[in-house]
Amino acid sequence: MSTTSDLRQLLRGAALRVTRPRMAVLGAVYAHPHADTDSIIRAVRRDLPEVSHQAVYDSLHTLTAAGLVRRLQPSGSVARYESRVRDNHHHVVCRACGVVADVDCAVGEAPCLTASDDRGFSIDEAEVIYWGLCPDCSTARSS
């Protein structure tokens, strides 16, 4: 879903003004899942060389607040962004190279984990990060 009209429709559907920086940032997040801010800035500047760091940061903040983008920050890592926002999924992170991949819920419906004591909260999401070695790093270590 990275066509210009799809991106415009997403922004309008979230009651956001359609601006060139927002379009470019949203397109970059769709094109580069789990990208960090610096990677998104580089991708955006391919189309909008004059865009400022602040415009990208502001756009990421606005898109995240509107629910169009999800921000994740594994422990010890920089913030990353993804466009997969309409479900409750989790992530697996490589301890060696830092690559991040999506992992669907292990069992059941969202939030797919039940707290032993919800303390009266109405829980609608569970966040899990699995840690290990990606196939490339695992192969390199065993060589």
C-alpha atoms as a PDB file:
ATOM      1  CA  MET A   1       0.000   0.000   0.000  1.00  0.00           C
ATOM      2  CA  SER A   2       2.517   2.591  -1.019  1.00  0.00           C
ATOM      3  CA  THR A   3       0.875   4.260  -3.994  1.00  0.00           C
ATOM      4  CA  THR A   4       0.456   7.988  -3.747  1.00  0.00           C
ATOM      5  CA  SER A   5      -3.319   7.752  -3.693  1.00  0.00           C
ATOM      6  CA  ASP A   6      -3.243   5.071  -0.973  1.00  0.00           C
ATOM      7  CA  LEU A   7      -0.987   7.232   1.197  1.00  0.00           C
ATOM      8  CA  ARG A   8      -3.218  10.274   0.671  1.00  0.00           C
ATOM      9  CA  GLN A   9      -6.250   8.209   1.595  1.00  0.00           C
ATOM     10  CA  LEU A  10      -4.571   6.993   4.801  1.00  0.00           C
ATOM     11  CA  LEU A  11      -3.694  10.543   5.845  1.00  0.00           C
ATOM     12  CA  ARG A  12      -7.156  11.879   5.069  1.00  0.00           C
ATOM     13  CA  GLY A  13      -8.770   8.900   6.803  1.00  0.00           C
ATOM     14  CA  ALA A  14      -6.842   9.857   9.938  1.00  0.00           C
ATOM     15  CA  ALA A  15      -8.006  13.487   9.559  1.00  0.00           C
ATOM     16  CA  LEU A  16      -4.450  14.642   8.828  1.00  0.00           C
ATOM     17  CA  ARG A  17      -3.423  17.282   6.328  1.00  0.00           C
ATOM     18  CA  VAL A  18      -1.709  15.804   3.301  1.00  0.00           C
ATOM     19  CA  THR A  19       1.780  17.320   3.143  1.00  0.00           C
ATOM     20  CA  ARG A  20       4.811  16.329   1.099  1.00  0.00           C
ATOM     21  CA  PRO A  21       6.892  15.415   4.188  1.00  0.00           C
ATOM     22  CA  ARG A  22       4.095  13.266   5.656  1.00  0.00           C
ATOM     23  CA  MET A  23       3.575  11.525   2.325  1.00  0.00           C
ATOM     24  CA  ALA A  24       7.307  10.876   1.965  1.00  0.00           C
ATOM     25  CA  VAL A  25       7.738   9.660   5.552  1.00  0.00           C
ATOM     26  CA  LEU A  26       4.710   7.362   5.379  1.00  0.00           C
ATOM     27  CA  GLY A  27       5.936   5.990   2.045  1.00  0.00           C
ATOM     28  CA  ALA A  28       9.403   5.384   3.516  1.00  0.00           C
ATOM     29  CA  VAL A  29       7.984   3.506   6.504  1.00  0.00           C
ATOM     30  CA  TYR A  30       5.953   1.280   4.158  1.00  0.00           C
ATOM     31  CA  ALA A  31       8.982   0.691   1.931  1.00  0.00           C
ATOM     32  CA  HIS A  32      11.423   0.025   4.792  1.00  0.00           C
ATOM     33  CA  PRO A  33       9.786  -1.918   7.648  1.00  0.00           C
ATOM     34  CA  HIS A  34      11.501  -1.545  11.030  1.00  0.00           C
ATOM     35  CA  ALA A  35      13.688   1.314   9.781  1.00  0.00           C
ATOM     36  CA  ASP A  36      15.280   3.664  12.258  1.00  0.00           C
ATOM     37  CA  THR A  37      14.897   7.440  12.022  1.00  0.00           C
ATOM     38  CA  ASP A  38      18.190   7.996  10.199  1.00  0.00           C
ATOM     39  CA  SER A  39      17.254   5.419   7.555  1.00  0.00           C
ATOM     40  CA  ILE A  40      13.856   7.058   7.109  1.00  0.00           C
ATOM     41  CA  ILE A  41      15.485  10.484   6.727  1.00  0.00           C
ATOM     42  CA  ARG A  42      17.804   9.107   4.021  1.00  0.00           C
ATOM     43  CA  ALA A  43      14.885   7.484   2.192  1.00  0.00           C
ATOM     44  CA  VAL A  44      12.761  10.639   2.378  1.00  0.00           C
ATOM     45  CA  ARG A  45      15.620  12.808   1.115  1.00  0.00           C
ATOM     46  CA  ARG A  46      15.835  10.751  -2.086  1.00  0.00           C
ATOM     47  CA  ASP A  47      12.502  12.334  -3.066  1.00  0.00           C
ATOM     48  CA  LEU A  48      12.615  15.507  -0.964  1.00  0.00           C
ATOM     49  CA  PRO A  49      16.272  16.537  -0.644  1.00  0.00           C
ATOM     50  CA  GLU A  50      15.365  19.750   1.166  1.00  0.00           C
ATOM     51  CA  VAL A  51      13.394  18.111   3.994  1.00  0.00           C
ATOM     52  CA  SER A  52      14.733  18.858   7.474  1.00  0.00           C
ATOM     53  CA  HIS A  53      15.403  16.354  10.237  1.00  0.00           C
ATOM     54  CA  GLN A  54      12.765  18.152  12.299  1.00  0.00           C
ATOM     55  CA  ALA A  55      10.116  17.741   9.581  1.00  0.00           C
ATOM     56  CA  VAL A  56      10.770  13.982   9.522  1.00  0.00           C
ATOM     57  CA  TYR A  57      10.682  13.744  13.331  1.00  0.00           C
ATOM     58  CA  ASP A  58       7.466  15.779  13.430  1.00  0.00           C
ATOM     59  CA  SER A  59       5.895  13.624  10.722  1.00  0.00           C
ATOM     60  CA  LEU A  60       6.858  10.397  12.523  1.00  0.00           C
ATOM     61  CA  HIS A  61       5.376  11.745  15.752  1.00  0.00           C
ATOM     62  CA  THR A  62       2.137  12.803  14.021  1.00  0.00           C
ATOM     63  CA  LEU A  63       1.801   9.530  12.097  1.00  0.00           C
ATOM     64  CA  THR A  64       2.437   7.509  15.257  1.00  0.00           C
ATOM     65  CA  ALA A  65      -0.084   9.521  17.274  1.00  0.00           C
ATOM     66  CA  ALA A  66      -2.661   9.036  14.497  1.00  0.00           C
ATOM     67  CA  GLY A  67      -2.109   5.266  14.538  1.00  0.00           C
ATOM     68  CA  LEU A  68      -0.770   5.108  10.984  1.00  0.00           C
ATOM     69  CA  VAL A  69       2.716   4.089  12.098  1.00  0.00           C
ATOM     70  CA  ARG A  70       3.901   2.021  15.035  1.00  0.00           C
ATOM     71  CA  ARG A  71       7.033   2.949  16.976  1.00  0.00           C
ATOM     72  CA  LEU A  72       9.010   0.191  18.619  1.00  0.00           C
ATOM     73  CA  GLN A  73      12.202   0.415  20.603  1.00  0.00           C
ATOM     74  CA  PRO A  74      13.791  -2.861  21.635  1.00  0.00           C
ATOM     75  CA  SER A  75      15.938  -2.559  24.747  1.00  0.00           C
ATOM     76  CA  GLY A  76      19.346  -1.098  23.916  1.00  0.00           C
ATOM     77  CA  SER A  77      18.254  -0.121  20.409  1.00  0.00           C
ATOM     78  CA  VAL A  78      17.179   3.056  18.656  1.00  0.00           C
ATOM     79  CA  ALA A  79      13.511   3.625  17.874  1.00  0.00           C
ATOM     80  CA  ARG A  80      12.220   1.939  14.740  1.00  0.00           C
ATOM     81  CA  TYR A  81       9.002   2.388  12.809  1.00  0.00           C
ATOM     82  CA  GLU A  82       6.651   0.078  10.963  1.00  0.00           C
ATOM     83  CA  SER A  83       3.419   0.326   9.025  1.00  0.00           C
ATOM     84  CA  ARG A  84       1.873  -2.878  10.408  1.00  0.00           C
ATOM     85  CA  VAL A  85      -0.450  -1.284  12.954  1.00  0.00           C
ATOM     86  CA  ARG A  86      -3.850  -2.937  12.706  1.00  0.00           C
ATOM     87  CA  ASP A  87      -2.990  -6.139  14.534  1.00  0.00           C
ATOM     88  CA  ASN A  88      -1.283  -7.300  17.707  1.00  0.00           C
ATOM     89  CA  HIS A  89       1.955  -8.883  16.524  1.00  0.00           C
ATOM     90  CA  HIS A  90       5.374  -9.163  18.081  1.00  0.00           C
ATOM     91  CA  HIS A  91       9.020  -8.926  17.032  1.00  0.00           C
ATOM     92  CA  VAL A  92      12.172 -10.995  16.966  1.00  0.00           C
ATOM     93  CA  VAL A  93      15.496  -9.144  17.259  1.00  0.00           C
ATOM     94  CA  CYS A  94      18.971 -10.450  16.419  1.00  0.00           C
ATOM     95  CA  ARG A  95      21.387  -9.882  19.303  1.00  0.00           C
ATOM     96  CA  ALA A  96      24.342  -9.688  16.905  1.00  0.00           C
ATOM     97  CA  CYS A  97      23.284  -7.498  13.959  1.00  0.00           C
ATOM     98  CA  GLY A  98      20.063  -5.916  15.288  1.00  0.00           C
ATOM     99  CA  VAL A  99      17.797  -6.987  12.438  1.00  0.00           C
ATOM    100  CA  VAL A 100      14.104  -6.952  13.424  1.00  0.00           C
ATOM    101  CA  ALA A 101      11.352  -9.153  11.990  1.00  0.00           C
ATOM    102  CA  ASP A 102       7.628  -9.504  12.641  1.00  0.00           C
ATOM    103  CA  VAL A 103       6.303 -12.534  14.517  1.00  0.00           C
ATOM    104  CA  ASP A 104       2.597 -13.268  14.599  1.00  0.00           C
ATOM    105  CA  CYS A 105       0.887 -13.982  17.914  1.00  0.00           C
ATOM    106  CA  ALA A 106       1.654 -17.455  19.185  1.00  0.00           C
ATOM    107  CA  VAL A 107      -1.863 -18.382  20.233  1.00  0.00           C
ATOM    108  CA  GLY A 108      -5.355 -16.959  20.163  1.00  0.00           C
ATOM    109  CA  GLU A 109      -6.841 -13.543  19.622  1.00  0.00           C
ATOM    110  CA  ALA A 110      -5.336 -10.175  20.456  1.00  0.00           C
ATOM    111  CA  PRO A 111      -3.844  -9.449  22.887  1.00  0.00           C
ATOM    112  CA  CYS A 112      -2.738 -13.125  22.575  1.00  0.00           C
ATOM    113  CA  LEU A 113      -1.285 -13.151  26.075  1.00  0.00           C
ATOM    114  CA  THR A 114      -3.342 -13.088  29.218  1.00  0.00           C
ATOM    115  CA  ALA A 115      -1.915 -11.339  32.251  1.00  0.00           C
ATOM    116  CA  SER A 116      -1.936 -13.407  35.417  1.00  0.00           C
ATOM    117  CA  ASP A 117      -3.380 -10.353  37.207  1.00  0.00           C
ATOM    118  CA  ASP A 118      -4.671  -7.530  35.019  1.00  0.00           C
ATOM    119  CA  ARG A 119      -4.968  -5.170  38.027  1.00  0.00           C
ATOM    120  CA  GLY A 120      -8.339  -4.012  36.725  1.00  0.00           C
ATOM    121  CA  PHE A 121      -6.968  -2.905  33.354  1.00  0.00           C
ATOM    122  CA  SER A 122      -8.868  -3.589  30.162  1.00  0.00           C
ATOM    123  CA  ILE A 123      -5.908  -4.985  28.200  1.00  0.00           C
ATOM    124  CA  ASP A 124      -6.053  -4.655  24.413  1.00  0.00           C
ATOM    125  CA  GLU A 125      -2.437  -5.259  23.414  1.00  0.00           C
ATOM    126  CA  ALA A 126       0.551  -7.300  24.536  1.00  0.00           C
ATOM    127  CA  GLU A 127       4.088  -6.481  23.446  1.00  0.00           C
ATOM    128  CA  VAL A 128       6.620  -9.268  23.244  1.00  0.00           C
ATOM    129  CA  ILE A 129      10.140  -9.132  21.875  1.00  0.00           C
ATOM    130  CA  TYR A 130      11.938 -12.388  21.219  1.00  0.00           C
ATOM    131  CA  TRP A 131      15.752 -12.196  21.229  1.00  0.00           C
ATOM    132  CA  GLY A 132      18.210 -14.500  19.492  1.00  0.00           C
ATOM    133  CA  LEU A 133      20.426 -14.771  16.434  1.00  0.00           C
ATOM    134  CA  CYS A 134      19.134 -14.322  12.895  1.00  0.00           C
ATOM    135  CA  PRO A 135      19.951 -17.096  10.391  1.00  0.00           C
ATOM    136  CA  ASP A 136      22.915 -15.160   8.911  1.00  0.00           C
ATOM    137  CA  CYS A 137      24.510 -14.433  12.295  1.00  0.00           C
ATOM    138  CA  SER A 138      23.803 -17.943  13.548  1.00  0.00           C
ATOM    139  CA  THR A 139      25.517 -19.429  10.477  1.00  0.00           C
ATOM    140  CA  ALA A 140      28.484 -17.058  10.846  1.00  0.00           C
ATOM    141  CA  ARG A 141      28.985 -18.077  14.489  1.00  0.00           C
ATOM    142  CA  SER A 142      28.900 -21.790  13.697  1.00  0.00           C
ATOM    143  CA  SER A 143      31.449 -21.428  10.882  1.00  0.00           C
END
